[in-house]
Amino acid sequence: MALGSAGEELKTKIDQACTAGEEFHKLYYETFDKRRHLLSKLYMTNAQMVWNGTFVEGMTEIMKFIEHLPSTETSVETFDCHPLADVVSQGQTTIGVTTFGLVKFPRKKSKAFHQHFILTSQENVWKIVSDNYRFVE
C-alpha cells in the first residue's frame, strides 16, 4: 500500500525524530552524569524546566539549579520520540522526547524517573525548549 506524499513526509519526520531522540537522550544523560557544566550548550537561552514541581526559567537559572543537584548515575530504560505538528512549532523542526529510567544519587537507593523534553532544531543542532523531570514515587 502506497503512503502518498503526505504519508511519506510524515514517515520521514517520524524517522528523523526517532534518530534525533535516541542520539539526544544518550548525549544528555552522559553529560548530566559526567560533565554537567556543559549542559548549557543543550538548552535554548529562554528554555523552561520543571523539576519535580519546581519551575525554573532561562538557561542561566536552569544551569544554576542543575549544578546544585548531587552527582548522579542515570540509566534510561526506555524512551519515545515523535515530531510535533508544525502548528505547534511555528515552522521549526520540533520533536518531543520522553524518557523513563533510574537515577542513583550518592548513598541513596535508585529512584525511577521520567523526563519529557521538547527540542527544536537550531542551525542543525537540537536545543531544549522545555524540560520536565519527575520522580516516580
Protein backbone atom coordinates (compact mmCIF):
# COMPACT_ATOMS: atom_id res chain seq x y z
CA MET A 1 0.00 0.00 0.00
CA ALA A 2 1.47 3.35 -1.04
CA LEU A 3 1.63 6.12 1.54
CA GLY A 4 1.39 9.10 -0.81
CA SER A 5 3.49 12.25 -0.46
CA ALA A 6 1.91 13.38 2.83
CA GLY A 7 2.40 9.91 4.32
CA GLU A 8 6.00 9.76 3.12
CA GLU A 9 6.67 13.21 4.61
CA LEU A 10 5.22 12.13 7.96
CA LYS A 11 7.23 8.89 7.90
CA THR A 12 10.41 10.92 7.24
CA LYS A 13 9.60 13.24 10.17
CA ILE A 14 8.96 10.27 12.47
CA ASP A 15 12.23 8.60 11.44
CA GLN A 16 14.10 11.89 11.98
CA ALA A 17 12.51 12.28 15.44
CA CYS A 18 13.46 8.73 16.44
CA THR A 19 17.07 9.12 15.33
CA ALA A 20 17.45 12.56 16.90
CA GLY A 21 15.74 11.49 20.13
CA GLU A 22 17.98 8.47 20.58
CA GLU A 23 21.16 10.47 19.94
CA PHE A 24 19.93 13.33 22.13
CA HIS A 25 18.99 11.29 25.21
CA LYS A 26 22.32 9.46 25.17
CA LEU A 27 24.22 12.77 24.95
CA TYR A 28 22.03 14.47 27.56
CA TYR A 29 22.36 11.84 30.31
CA GLU A 30 26.06 11.24 29.72
CA THR A 31 26.62 15.00 30.00
CA PHE A 32 24.28 15.25 33.01
CA ASP A 33 26.16 12.49 34.85
CA LYS A 34 29.77 13.28 33.87
CA ARG A 35 30.10 16.85 32.54
CA ARG A 36 27.12 18.71 33.94
CA HIS A 37 28.73 22.13 33.42
CA LEU A 38 28.43 21.57 29.63
CA LEU A 39 24.64 21.11 29.67
CA SER A 40 24.13 24.80 28.90
CA LYS A 41 25.03 24.01 25.28
CA LEU A 42 21.90 21.86 25.05
CA TYR A 43 19.40 24.47 26.31
CA MET A 44 17.94 27.43 24.45
CA THR A 45 18.51 30.77 26.18
CA ASN A 46 14.80 31.09 27.02
CA ALA A 47 14.24 27.41 27.92
CA GLN A 48 11.91 26.38 30.72
CA MET A 49 12.29 23.50 33.15
CA VAL A 50 10.04 21.95 35.77
CA TRP A 51 12.00 19.70 38.15
CA ASN A 52 9.69 17.73 40.44
CA GLY A 53 7.32 20.69 40.61
CA THR A 54 9.97 23.43 40.81
CA PHE A 55 9.71 25.83 37.85
CA VAL A 56 12.94 27.34 36.50
CA GLU A 57 13.10 29.73 33.56
CA GLY A 58 16.05 30.67 31.37
CA MET A 59 19.21 28.71 30.60
CA THR A 60 21.29 30.60 33.20
CA GLU A 61 18.84 29.83 36.02
CA ILE A 62 18.43 26.23 34.83
CA MET A 63 22.20 25.75 34.97
CA LYS A 64 22.38 27.22 38.48
CA PHE A 65 19.66 24.78 39.57
CA ILE A 66 21.20 21.73 37.87
CA GLU A 67 24.72 22.43 39.14
CA HIS A 68 23.44 22.30 42.75
CA LEU A 69 21.99 18.81 42.33
CA PRO A 70 24.03 15.92 43.75
CA SER A 71 26.07 13.77 41.37
CA THR A 72 24.13 11.07 39.55
CA GLU A 73 24.34 7.81 37.67
CA THR A 74 21.47 7.60 35.20
CA SER A 75 20.23 4.66 33.16
CA VAL A 76 17.47 5.09 30.61
CA GLU A 77 15.22 2.05 30.44
CA THR A 78 13.01 3.25 27.58
CA PHE A 79 12.31 6.34 25.51
CA ASP A 80 9.82 7.57 22.96
CA CYS A 81 10.09 10.31 20.34
CA HIS A 82 7.70 11.97 17.96
CA PRO A 83 7.59 15.03 15.71
CA LEU A 84 5.37 17.90 16.84
CA ALA A 85 2.90 19.44 14.44
CA ASP A 86 4.07 22.50 12.54
CA VAL A 87 1.20 24.48 14.04
CA VAL A 88 2.80 23.95 17.48
CA SER A 89 6.36 24.69 16.44
CA GLN A 90 5.64 27.57 14.03
CA GLY A 91 7.53 26.05 11.11
CA GLN A 92 10.61 24.92 13.05
CA THR A 93 11.50 21.24 13.20
CA THR A 94 10.42 20.30 16.73
CA ILE A 95 10.22 16.93 18.48
CA GLY A 96 9.10 15.54 21.79
CA VAL A 97 11.35 13.08 23.63
CA THR A 98 10.11 11.17 26.68
CA THR A 99 12.45 9.02 28.76
CA PHE A 100 11.92 6.65 31.67
CA GLY A 101 14.77 5.29 33.76
CA LEU A 102 16.58 5.04 37.06
CA VAL A 103 18.75 7.64 38.72
CA LYS A 104 21.20 6.86 41.53
CA PHE A 105 22.36 9.57 43.95
CA PRO A 106 25.31 9.02 46.31
CA ARG A 107 24.42 6.86 49.33
CA LYS A 108 20.77 6.54 48.20
CA LYS A 109 18.72 3.81 46.57
CA SER A 110 17.98 4.24 42.87
CA LYS A 111 14.82 6.18 42.03
CA ALA A 112 12.65 5.80 38.97
CA PHE A 113 12.06 8.96 36.94
CA HIS A 114 10.51 10.14 33.74
CA GLN A 115 11.56 13.20 31.78
CA HIS A 116 9.97 14.92 28.81
CA PHE A 117 11.85 17.27 26.51
CA ILE A 118 10.64 19.47 23.71
CA LEU A 119 13.53 20.01 21.31
CA THR A 120 13.82 22.33 18.35
CA SER A 121 16.42 22.37 15.64
CA GLN A 122 18.60 25.49 15.76
CA GLU A 123 21.16 25.62 12.94
CA ASN A 124 21.11 21.79 12.72
CA VAL A 125 21.66 21.40 16.49
CA TRP A 126 18.90 20.13 18.79
CA LYS A 127 18.19 22.53 21.66
CA ILE A 128 15.92 22.06 24.66
CA VAL A 129 12.91 24.39 24.72
CA SER A 130 11.13 22.65 27.59
CA ASP A 131 12.35 20.09 30.16
CA ASN A 132 10.03 18.35 32.63
CA TYR A 133 11.53 15.93 35.16
CA ARG A 134 9.61 13.93 37.75
CA PHE A 135 10.49 11.15 40.16
CA VAL A 136 8.11 8.20 40.05
CA GLU A 137 7.15 7.74 43.68
